[in-house]
């Protein structure tokens, strides 16, 4: 047996181990299709290895071994090649700020403030008909929606109410104390990172605050609706909290909104603690949490090098994909910035399109990034998306569930993530594998999971 033969056998056995790791992941993630295919593939690779060893002197075996050697060698060489075509510039000039009044959540709230609704629709008469149709639908978590549950559904409602009650308006915050000693930015950021990770964050990023990161005009809360957003802070620190795969795999049913509301609360805790830490050092700081933003979190997280804003128009973390929730603290202080290039994620979004294929409201584009507000970016048809939310009574999350980047942070998925960072060929092969093992189209639940089963998964998590 020569070197070529040994190389082929080693490659087959390593591939078999990879398939068994896939089988373990499929079992943990409760994916029967992937489990069956992985076990079958692993068994086949082991069987081929055994047959080659048993008949290694046979002329046919020698020929097959030679062919496999060059195929495997080519595969390894291509897999290791670090290359992606350059992406076009996403903007060629000044990026326009986004008016928060145009956000679908802000427009949904106008149902309860007729005077503000009239003022808004005088500015945007083309939106009046669709807004009034949406107002006729149940609010998220209300009776009449598809996945309504009087008792379990109140968990999400209570969590969002907590976020509102815990927020202190800027006008009511205490004066920033005058610092006694100079602040060391590196040490302060490190302390904030420690606090963030202790309270459940998986990543923290820092970037300079740009004008387009801020909303131009407030629109979510009635008390400041229509007022210009005033924030002259210099830096932003963003916190990433992961959502549980055990909940998101039940999207679009009630567990999806239970988990998103849970992670909004967790990310808000981190932001409020971090803002107070800056405040205690004599630095003006503002926490931006669900329902109370002056900033758009996704481009801040992207600028901080934590990931990429994907086809579905939301932030995709480099490890946890779109299955995360963000909060931000802006500060009137210069901080050391974090960096990271994740252009490979955009390349993958260009070819994947699983979120668009699975979106029940057809709110996600299959096309290239259009240009709006002065730069090229994907965004959803928010009217279609939000109408579907109101009909089912949850925040859906089918796009998040379908995204290959949303896989758990397990060894096998770390290998795949490293693999697709190399080049487009790897990405195409990985996408074929994802479609094969997980399916191209999701099987969508039509009723809520049994709550005892969900409770058992929560207990296992802890």
Protein backbone atom coordinates (compact mmCIF):
# COMPACT_ATOMS: atom_id res chain seq x y z
CA UNK A 1 0.00 0.00 0.00
CA UNK A 2 1.46 3.32 -1.12
CA UNK A 3 1.15 6.90 0.04
CA UNK A 4 -1.69 7.58 -2.41
CA UNK A 5 -3.69 4.64 -1.08
CA UNK A 6 -3.12 5.69 2.54
CA UNK A 7 -4.16 9.25 1.71
CA UNK A 8 -7.43 8.05 0.13
CA UNK A 9 -8.28 5.82 3.10
CA UNK A 10 -7.47 8.61 5.57
CA UNK A 11 -9.63 11.08 3.63
CA UNK A 12 -12.55 8.62 3.54
CA UNK A 13 -12.31 7.95 7.28
CA UNK A 14 -12.09 11.67 8.12
CA UNK A 15 -15.14 12.21 5.92
CA UNK A 16 -16.93 9.42 7.78
CA UNK A 17 -16.13 11.09 11.11
CA UNK A 18 -17.49 14.35 9.68
CA UNK A 19 -20.72 12.57 8.72
CA UNK A 20 -21.05 11.10 12.21
CA UNK A 21 -20.56 14.58 13.67
CA UNK A 22 -23.33 15.75 11.34
CA UNK A 23 -25.52 12.91 12.61
CA UNK A 24 -24.92 13.98 16.20
CA UNK A 25 -25.79 17.58 15.34
CA UNK A 26 -28.95 16.46 13.51
CA UNK A 27 -29.99 14.40 16.54
CA UNK A 28 -29.40 17.35 18.88
CA UNK A 29 -31.29 19.70 16.56
CA UNK A 30 -34.11 17.19 16.00
CA UNK A 31 -33.68 16.98 12.21
CA UNK A 32 -34.68 13.39 11.23
CA UNK A 33 -33.81 13.87 7.57
CA UNK A 34 -30.30 15.04 8.38
CA UNK A 35 -29.81 12.25 10.91
CA UNK A 36 -30.77 9.55 8.39
CA UNK A 37 -28.62 10.96 5.59
CA UNK A 38 -25.62 11.51 7.87
CA UNK A 39 -25.70 7.98 9.28
CA UNK A 40 -26.17 6.54 5.80
CA UNK A 41 -23.32 8.63 4.41
CA UNK A 42 -21.00 7.72 7.26
CA UNK A 43 -21.78 4.02 6.88
CA UNK A 44 -21.20 4.21 3.12
CA UNK A 45 -17.81 5.90 3.52
CA UNK A 46 -16.68 3.31 6.07
CA UNK A 47 -17.89 0.50 3.80
CA UNK A 48 -15.96 1.92 0.82
CA UNK A 49 -12.82 2.20 2.98
CA UNK A 50 -13.13 -1.44 4.08
CA UNK A 51 -13.68 -2.65 0.51
CA UNK A 52 -10.65 -0.73 -0.75
CA UNK A 53 -8.47 -2.25 1.98
CA UNK A 54 -9.76 -5.79 1.37
CA UNK A 55 -9.23 -5.60 -2.41
CA UNK A 56 -6.25 -3.24 -2.48
CA UNK A 57 -4.31 -5.40 -4.96
CA UNK A 58 -7.16 -5.61 -7.47
CA UNK A 59 -6.48 -3.59 -10.68
CA UNK A 60 -9.92 -1.97 -10.47
CA UNK A 61 -9.23 -0.91 -6.87
CA UNK A 62 -5.89 0.58 -7.90
CA UNK A 63 -7.57 2.56 -10.69
CA UNK A 64 -10.35 3.76 -8.36
CA UNK A 65 -7.76 4.74 -5.76
CA UNK A 66 -5.80 6.81 -8.31
CA UNK A 67 -8.95 8.64 -9.42
CA UNK A 68 -10.07 9.26 -5.84
CA UNK A 69 -6.61 10.53 -4.89
CA UNK A 70 -6.63 13.28 -7.51
CA UNK A 71 -10.27 14.14 -6.84
CA UNK A 72 -9.64 14.47 -3.10
CA UNK A 73 -6.43 16.42 -3.65
CA UNK A 74 -8.23 18.84 -5.98
CA UNK A 75 -11.06 19.22 -3.45
CA UNK A 76 -8.60 20.08 -0.66
CA UNK A 77 -6.72 22.57 -2.85
CA UNK A 78 -9.92 24.34 -3.91
CA UNK A 79 -11.30 24.31 -0.35
CA UNK A 80 -8.21 26.06 1.00
CA UNK A 81 -8.12 28.74 -1.70
CA UNK A 82 -8.75 32.15 -0.05
CA UNK A 83 -10.54 34.21 -2.71
CA UNK A 84 -13.72 36.19 -3.22
CA UNK A 85 -14.52 38.66 -6.02
CA UNK A 86 -14.53 42.26 -4.85
CA UNK A 87 -17.93 43.62 -3.87
CA UNK A 88 -19.13 46.86 -5.49
CA UNK A 89 -19.19 49.99 -3.37
CA UNK A 90 -22.43 50.05 -1.40
CA UNK A 91 -22.66 53.86 -1.40
CA UNK A 92 -21.27 56.66 -3.52
CA UNK A 93 -22.26 59.62 -1.41
CA UNK A 94 -24.06 60.73 1.70
CA UNK A 95 -26.38 58.16 3.29
CA UNK A 96 -29.79 59.57 4.17
CA UNK A 97 -31.13 59.04 7.68
CA UNK A 98 -34.26 56.95 8.18
CA UNK A 99 -37.41 58.58 9.55
CA UNK A 100 -38.65 56.36 12.40
CA UNK A 101 -42.22 57.41 11.65
CA UNK A 102 -41.99 55.26 8.50
CA UNK A 103 -41.18 52.14 10.52
CA UNK A 104 -44.04 49.64 10.54
CA UNK A 105 -44.10 49.46 14.35
CA UNK A 106 -44.50 53.23 14.53
CA UNK A 107 -47.24 53.16 11.91
CA UNK A 108 -49.00 50.35 13.77
CA UNK A 109 -49.07 52.47 16.93
CA UNK A 110 -50.88 55.29 15.13
CA UNK A 111 -54.10 53.30 15.54
CA UNK A 112 -54.14 54.47 19.17
CA UNK A 113 -53.31 58.10 18.34
CA UNK A 114 -55.76 59.28 15.64
CA UNK A 115 -54.41 62.83 15.59
CA UNK A 116 -50.88 61.59 14.91
CA UNK A 117 -52.27 59.17 12.35
CA UNK A 118 -53.95 62.02 10.48
CA UNK A 119 -50.75 64.06 10.53
CA UNK A 120 -48.72 61.11 9.24
CA UNK A 121 -51.13 60.27 6.42
CA UNK A 122 -51.20 63.90 5.32
CA UNK A 123 -47.46 63.50 4.76
CA UNK A 124 -47.82 59.99 3.28
CA UNK A 125 -51.33 59.55 1.82
CA UNK A 126 -50.16 56.50 -0.16
CA UNK A 127 -49.73 54.57 3.12
CA UNK A 128 -53.17 55.29 4.58
CA UNK A 129 -55.08 52.37 3.01
CA UNK A 130 -52.58 49.67 3.96
CA UNK A 131 -52.17 51.10 7.48
CA UNK A 132 -55.92 51.11 8.08
CA UNK A 133 -56.17 47.50 6.87
CA UNK A 134 -53.43 46.50 9.31
CA UNK A 135 -55.16 48.34 12.18
CA UNK A 136 -58.19 46.08 11.69
CA UNK A 137 -56.08 43.01 12.53
CA UNK A 138 -55.43 41.80 16.11
CA UNK A 139 -52.39 43.16 17.90
CA UNK A 140 -49.56 40.69 18.49
CA UNK A 141 -50.70 38.28 21.20
CA UNK A 142 -54.35 39.31 21.04
CA UNK A 143 -57.38 37.01 20.59
CA UNK A 144 -58.19 36.38 16.95
CA UNK A 145 -54.64 35.76 15.79
CA UNK A 146 -53.67 32.27 14.61
CA UNK A 147 -51.36 31.27 17.46
CA UNK A 148 -53.12 33.11 20.29
CA UNK A 149 -52.78 31.56 23.74
CA UNK A 150 -54.33 33.39 26.66
CA UNK A 151 -51.79 32.24 29.23
CA UNK A 152 -48.46 31.48 27.54
CA UNK A 153 -48.88 34.36 25.11
CA UNK A 154 -48.97 36.80 28.00
CA UNK A 155 -45.27 36.06 28.64
CA UNK A 156 -44.22 38.07 25.59
CA UNK A 157 -46.72 40.86 26.30
CA UNK A 158 -45.44 41.15 29.86
CA UNK A 159 -41.81 41.20 28.68
CA UNK A 160 -42.47 44.06 26.26
CA UNK A 161 -44.38 45.94 28.98
CA UNK A 162 -41.37 45.53 31.26
CA UNK A 163 -39.16 47.14 28.61
CA UNK A 164 -41.47 50.16 28.49
CA UNK A 165 -41.64 50.49 32.28
CA UNK A 166 -37.89 50.15 32.75
CA UNK A 167 -37.00 52.93 30.34
CA UNK A 168 -36.20 56.36 31.80
CA UNK A 169 -36.76 59.32 29.44
CA UNK A 170 -33.70 61.49 28.81
CA UNK A 171 -35.31 64.46 30.56
CA UNK A 172 -35.64 62.49 33.81
CA UNK A 173 -32.08 61.17 34.03
CA UNK A 174 -29.66 62.52 36.63
CA UNK A 175 -26.93 64.96 35.64
CA UNK A 176 -23.67 63.38 34.51
CA UNK A 177 -21.14 63.74 37.36
CA UNK A 178 -17.83 65.49 36.76
CA UNK A 179 -15.04 62.85 36.63
CA UNK A 180 -12.41 63.07 39.34
CA UNK A 181 -9.67 61.29 37.37
CA UNK A 182 -9.06 60.79 33.61
CA UNK A 183 -10.88 57.81 32.11
CA UNK A 184 -8.82 55.05 30.46
CA UNK A 185 -10.93 53.98 27.44
CA UNK A 186 -9.40 50.51 27.05
CA UNK A 187 -10.01 49.59 30.68
CA UNK A 188 -13.55 50.97 30.60
CA UNK A 189 -14.47 49.01 27.46
CA UNK A 190 -12.97 45.86 28.96
CA UNK A 191 -15.09 46.32 32.10
CA UNK A 192 -18.20 46.79 29.96
CA UNK A 193 -17.37 43.63 28.02
CA UNK A 194 -17.06 41.69 31.29
CA UNK A 195 -20.47 42.94 32.41
CA UNK A 196 -22.02 42.15 29.01
CA UNK A 197 -20.73 38.58 28.92
CA UNK A 198 -21.70 38.01 32.54
CA UNK A 199 -25.28 39.02 31.74
CA UNK A 200 -25.61 36.86 28.63
CA UNK A 201 -24.06 38.62 25.63
CA UNK A 202 -21.98 36.54 23.21
CA UNK A 203 -20.32 39.47 21.45
CA UNK A 204 -19.62 43.17 21.96
CA UNK A 205 -18.54 45.68 19.33
CA UNK A 206 -17.56 49.34 19.30
CA UNK A 207 -17.68 51.84 16.45
CA UNK A 208 -17.73 55.58 15.87
CA UNK A 209 -21.30 56.86 15.75
CA UNK A 210 -22.23 58.09 12.28
CA UNK A 211 -25.12 60.40 11.43
CA UNK A 212 -26.89 57.73 9.36
CA UNK A 213 -26.88 55.39 12.38
CA UNK A 214 -29.41 57.74 13.98
CA UNK A 215 -33.08 58.07 13.10
CA UNK A 216 -33.79 61.51 11.66
CA UNK A 217 -37.17 61.92 13.36
CA UNK A 218 -38.67 59.97 16.28
CA UNK A 219 -41.84 57.99 15.66
CA UNK A 220 -42.21 55.00 17.97
CA UNK A 221 -43.44 56.80 21.11
CA UNK A 222 -46.30 59.31 21.10
CA UNK A 223 -44.58 61.74 23.50
CA UNK A 224 -41.74 62.53 21.08
CA UNK A 225 -43.42 61.64 17.77
CA UNK A 226 -42.30 63.96 14.98
CA UNK A 227 -39.44 65.49 16.95
CA UNK A 228 -35.94 65.64 15.50
CA UNK A 229 -33.65 63.05 17.06
CA UNK A 230 -30.96 64.88 19.01
CA UNK A 231 -27.94 62.77 19.83
CA UNK A 232 -24.42 64.19 19.65
CA UNK A 233 -22.58 61.21 21.08
CA UNK A 234 -19.31 60.11 19.51
CA UNK A 235 -19.27 56.33 19.85
CA UNK A 236 -21.61 53.36 20.00
CA UNK A 237 -21.15 50.03 21.75
CA UNK A 238 -23.40 47.19 20.60
CA UNK A 239 -24.33 44.01 22.49
CA UNK A 240 -25.34 40.71 20.89
CA UNK A 241 -27.62 38.26 22.72
CA UNK A 242 -28.32 34.88 21.02
CA UNK A 243 -31.77 33.37 20.70
CA UNK A 244 -32.34 29.72 21.59
CA UNK A 245 -32.43 27.33 18.65
CA UNK A 246 -34.85 25.20 20.68
CA UNK A 247 -37.42 28.01 20.46
CA UNK A 248 -36.69 29.38 16.99
CA UNK A 249 -37.10 25.96 15.35
CA UNK A 250 -40.82 26.26 16.23
CA UNK A 251 -41.20 29.48 14.19
CA UNK A 252 -43.65 30.96 13.29
CA UNK A 253 -45.58 29.68 16.32
CA UNK A 254 -45.70 31.28 19.75
CA UNK A 255 -42.25 30.11 20.99
CA UNK A 256 -40.65 32.45 18.41
CA UNK A 257 -42.03 35.61 20.01
CA UNK A 258 -41.44 34.20 23.50
CA UNK A 259 -37.75 33.93 22.68
CA UNK A 260 -37.41 37.24 20.86
CA UNK A 261 -39.11 39.11 23.73
CA UNK A 262 -36.91 37.24 26.21
CA UNK A 263 -33.74 38.28 24.38
CA UNK A 264 -34.91 41.87 23.99
CA UNK A 265 -35.23 41.98 27.79
CA UNK A 266 -31.81 40.39 28.29
CA UNK A 267 -30.13 42.75 25.83
CA UNK A 268 -31.88 45.72 27.48
CA UNK A 269 -30.52 44.72 30.89
CA UNK A 270 -27.00 44.74 29.48
CA UNK A 271 -27.47 48.12 27.78
CA UNK A 272 -28.89 49.77 30.91
CA UNK A 273 -26.05 48.41 33.07
CA UNK A 274 -23.43 49.52 30.53
CA UNK A 275 -24.96 52.99 30.24
CA UNK A 276 -24.85 53.33 34.02
CA UNK A 277 -21.20 52.22 34.03
CA UNK A 278 -20.32 55.03 31.61
CA UNK A 279 -22.44 57.47 33.60
CA UNK A 280 -20.50 56.65 36.78
CA UNK A 281 -17.29 57.61 34.97
CA UNK A 282 -18.71 61.04 34.13
CA UNK A 283 -19.57 60.13 30.52
CA UNK A 284 -22.94 60.95 28.98
CA UNK A 285 -24.50 57.67 27.79
CA UNK A 286 -27.86 56.54 26.41
CA UNK A 287 -29.19 52.97 26.28
CA UNK A 288 -31.09 52.11 23.11
CA UNK A 289 -33.41 49.13 23.67
CA UNK A 290 -36.50 47.65 22.05
CA UNK A 291 -39.19 50.28 21.59
CA UNK A 292 -36.86 53.09 22.67
CA UNK A 293 -34.24 53.57 19.99
CA UNK A 294 -32.61 56.71 18.69
CA UNK A 295 -30.35 54.54 16.56
CA UNK A 296 -30.68 51.71 14.05
CA UNK A 297 -28.84 48.80 15.65
CA UNK A 298 -28.08 46.67 12.56
CA UNK A 299 -25.71 49.04 10.70
CA UNK A 300 -23.95 49.83 13.98
CA UNK A 301 -23.30 46.12 14.59
CA UNK A 302 -22.05 45.76 11.01
CA UNK A 303 -19.77 48.80 11.34
CA UNK A 304 -18.40 47.33 14.59
CA UNK A 305 -17.24 44.25 12.66
CA UNK A 306 -19.64 41.75 14.24
CA UNK A 307 -21.35 40.54 11.08
CA UNK A 308 -23.41 41.66 8.12
CA UNK A 309 -26.87 43.00 7.27
CA UNK A 310 -28.28 40.22 5.12
CA UNK A 311 -30.94 39.63 2.48
CA UNK A 312 -33.73 39.62 5.07
CA UNK A 313 -32.77 43.17 6.04
CA UNK A 314 -31.71 42.36 9.60
CA UNK A 315 -28.32 41.90 11.21
CA UNK A 316 -26.62 38.51 10.83
CA UNK A 317 -23.96 37.75 13.42
CA UNK A 318 -20.79 36.02 12.21
CA UNK A 319 -21.52 32.98 14.43
CA UNK A 320 -25.22 33.02 15.35
CA UNK A 321 -26.56 34.49 12.12
CA UNK A 322 -29.83 36.43 12.35
CA UNK A 323 -30.86 34.48 15.46
CA UNK A 324 -29.77 37.29 17.79
CA UNK A 325 -31.15 40.42 19.41
CA UNK A 326 -29.20 43.66 19.76
CA UNK A 327 -29.03 46.64 22.07
CA UNK A 328 -26.80 49.69 21.83
CA UNK A 329 -25.31 52.28 24.15
CA UNK A 330 -24.14 55.57 22.65
CA UNK A 331 -21.59 57.63 24.57
CA UNK A 332 -20.12 61.11 24.39
CA UNK A 333 -16.60 59.74 24.48
CA UNK A 334 -14.08 58.31 22.00
CA UNK A 335 -13.65 54.55 22.38
CA UNK A 336 -11.27 52.03 20.73
CA UNK A 337 -13.16 50.57 17.76
CA UNK A 338 -13.57 46.89 16.93
CA UNK A 339 -13.05 45.68 13.37
CA UNK A 340 -13.88 42.69 11.20
CA UNK A 341 -14.45 41.96 7.53
CA UNK A 342 -17.43 39.72 6.86
CA UNK A 343 -17.97 40.32 3.15
CA UNK A 344 -18.13 36.54 2.69
CA UNK A 345 -21.54 36.67 4.38
CA UNK A 346 -22.87 38.96 1.65
CA UNK A 347 -21.49 36.61 -1.00
CA UNK A 348 -23.37 33.76 0.67
CA UNK A 349 -26.59 35.80 0.91
CA UNK A 350 -26.39 36.44 -2.83
CA UNK A 351 -26.57 32.73 -3.68
CA UNK A 352 -28.59 31.30 -0.78
CA UNK A 353 -32.05 32.93 -0.90
CA UNK A 354 -33.57 30.38 1.50
CA UNK A 355 -35.14 33.17 3.55
CA UNK A 356 -36.81 34.55 0.41
CA UNK A 357 -37.98 31.09 -0.67
CA UNK A 358 -39.53 30.37 2.72
CA UNK A 359 -41.03 33.79 3.54
CA UNK A 360 -44.81 33.19 3.72
CA UNK A 361 -45.62 36.85 3.02
CA UNK A 362 -43.21 37.17 0.07
CA UNK A 363 -41.64 40.14 1.82
CA UNK A 364 -38.01 39.23 1.04
CA UNK A 365 -36.46 39.97 -2.35
CA UNK A 366 -34.77 37.36 -4.55
CA UNK A 367 -32.92 40.10 -6.43
CA UNK A 368 -29.72 42.08 -5.98
CA UNK A 369 -29.45 44.88 -3.45
CA UNK A 370 -31.45 47.92 -4.59
CA UNK A 371 -30.28 51.46 -3.89
CA UNK A 372 -32.32 53.57 -1.48
CA UNK A 373 -31.44 56.37 0.96
CA UNK A 374 -28.15 56.74 -0.90
CA UNK A 375 -26.75 53.23 -0.54
CA UNK A 376 -27.32 49.67 -1.77
CA UNK A 377 -28.96 47.39 0.78
CA UNK A 378 -31.59 44.72 1.14
CA UNK A 379 -34.74 45.47 3.07
CA UNK A 380 -38.04 43.65 3.47
CA UNK A 381 -41.44 44.73 2.25
CA UNK A 382 -42.44 45.75 5.76
CA UNK A 383 -46.16 46.05 4.96
CA UNK A 384 -46.33 42.42 3.80
CA UNK A 385 -44.18 41.22 6.69
CA UNK A 386 -46.04 43.06 9.44
CA UNK A 387 -49.48 42.14 8.06
CA UNK A 388 -48.51 38.48 8.37
CA UNK A 389 -47.27 39.05 11.93
CA UNK A 390 -50.60 40.53 12.93
CA UNK A 391 -52.53 37.65 11.36
CA UNK A 392 -50.58 34.96 13.20
CA UNK A 393 -49.97 36.92 16.43
CA UNK A 394 -46.20 36.37 16.58
CA UNK A 395 -43.10 37.93 15.03
CA UNK A 396 -42.87 34.95 12.65
CA UNK A 397 -39.05 34.36 12.44
CA UNK A 398 -39.34 31.88 9.56
CA UNK A 399 -36.56 33.79 7.78
CA UNK A 400 -34.35 33.46 10.86
CA UNK A 401 -35.14 29.77 11.22
CA UNK A 402 -34.41 29.05 7.55
CA UNK A 403 -31.04 30.85 7.46
CA UNK A 404 -28.04 28.46 7.34
CA UNK A 405 -26.15 30.89 9.61
CA UNK A 406 -28.70 30.29 12.39
CA UNK A 407 -27.31 26.85 13.17
CA UNK A 408 -26.14 26.31 16.78
CA UNK A 409 -22.53 27.06 17.70
CA UNK A 410 -21.50 23.39 17.70
CA UNK A 411 -18.19 21.89 16.44
CA UNK A 412 -19.62 20.69 13.12
CA UNK A 413 -21.16 24.06 12.33
CA UNK A 414 -17.93 25.85 13.29
CA UNK A 415 -16.16 23.72 10.68
CA UNK A 416 -18.75 24.67 8.05
CA UNK A 417 -18.53 28.38 8.96
CA UNK A 418 -14.74 28.27 8.57
CA UNK A 419 -15.17 26.42 5.26
CA UNK A 420 -17.49 29.01 3.68
CA UNK A 421 -15.17 31.87 4.66
CA UNK A 422 -12.65 30.73 2.05
CA UNK A 423 -14.26 31.09 -1.40
CA UNK A 424 -17.49 30.96 -3.47
CA UNK A 425 -17.00 27.30 -4.46
CA UNK A 426 -17.06 26.26 -0.82
CA UNK A 427 -20.20 28.34 -0.32
CA UNK A 428 -22.02 26.65 -3.19
CA UNK A 429 -21.06 23.20 -1.90
CA UNK A 430 -22.08 24.08 1.67
CA UNK A 431 -25.43 25.39 0.44
CA UNK A 432 -26.06 22.15 -1.46
CA UNK A 433 -25.27 20.26 1.74
CA UNK A 434 -27.58 22.47 3.81
CA UNK A 435 -30.43 21.93 1.34
CA UNK A 436 -29.76 18.19 1.34
CA UNK A 437 -29.59 17.68 5.11
CA UNK A 438 -32.04 20.34 6.32
CA UNK A 439 -34.26 20.75 3.27
CA UNK A 440 -34.77 23.71 0.98
CA UNK A 441 -38.33 24.41 2.13
CA UNK A 442 -39.22 24.35 5.81
CA UNK A 443 -42.03 22.33 7.23
CA UNK A 444 -44.20 25.00 8.85
CA UNK A 445 -46.22 24.23 11.98
CA UNK A 446 -49.91 25.14 11.93
CA UNK A 447 -50.40 24.96 15.70
CA UNK A 448 -48.44 25.73 18.83
CA UNK A 449 -46.08 23.19 20.33
CA UNK A 450 -47.26 21.36 23.44
CA UNK A 451 -46.19 23.54 26.33
CA UNK A 452 -44.98 20.62 28.46
CA UNK A 453 -42.55 19.76 25.67
CA UNK A 454 -41.34 23.36 25.54
CA UNK A 455 -40.95 23.48 29.31
CA UNK A 456 -38.85 20.31 29.18
CA UNK A 457 -36.52 21.90 26.62
CA UNK A 458 -36.12 24.98 28.85
CA UNK A 459 -35.19 22.76 31.79
CA UNK A 460 -32.61 20.93 29.65
CA UNK A 461 -31.15 24.28 28.58
CA UNK A 462 -30.58 25.26 32.22
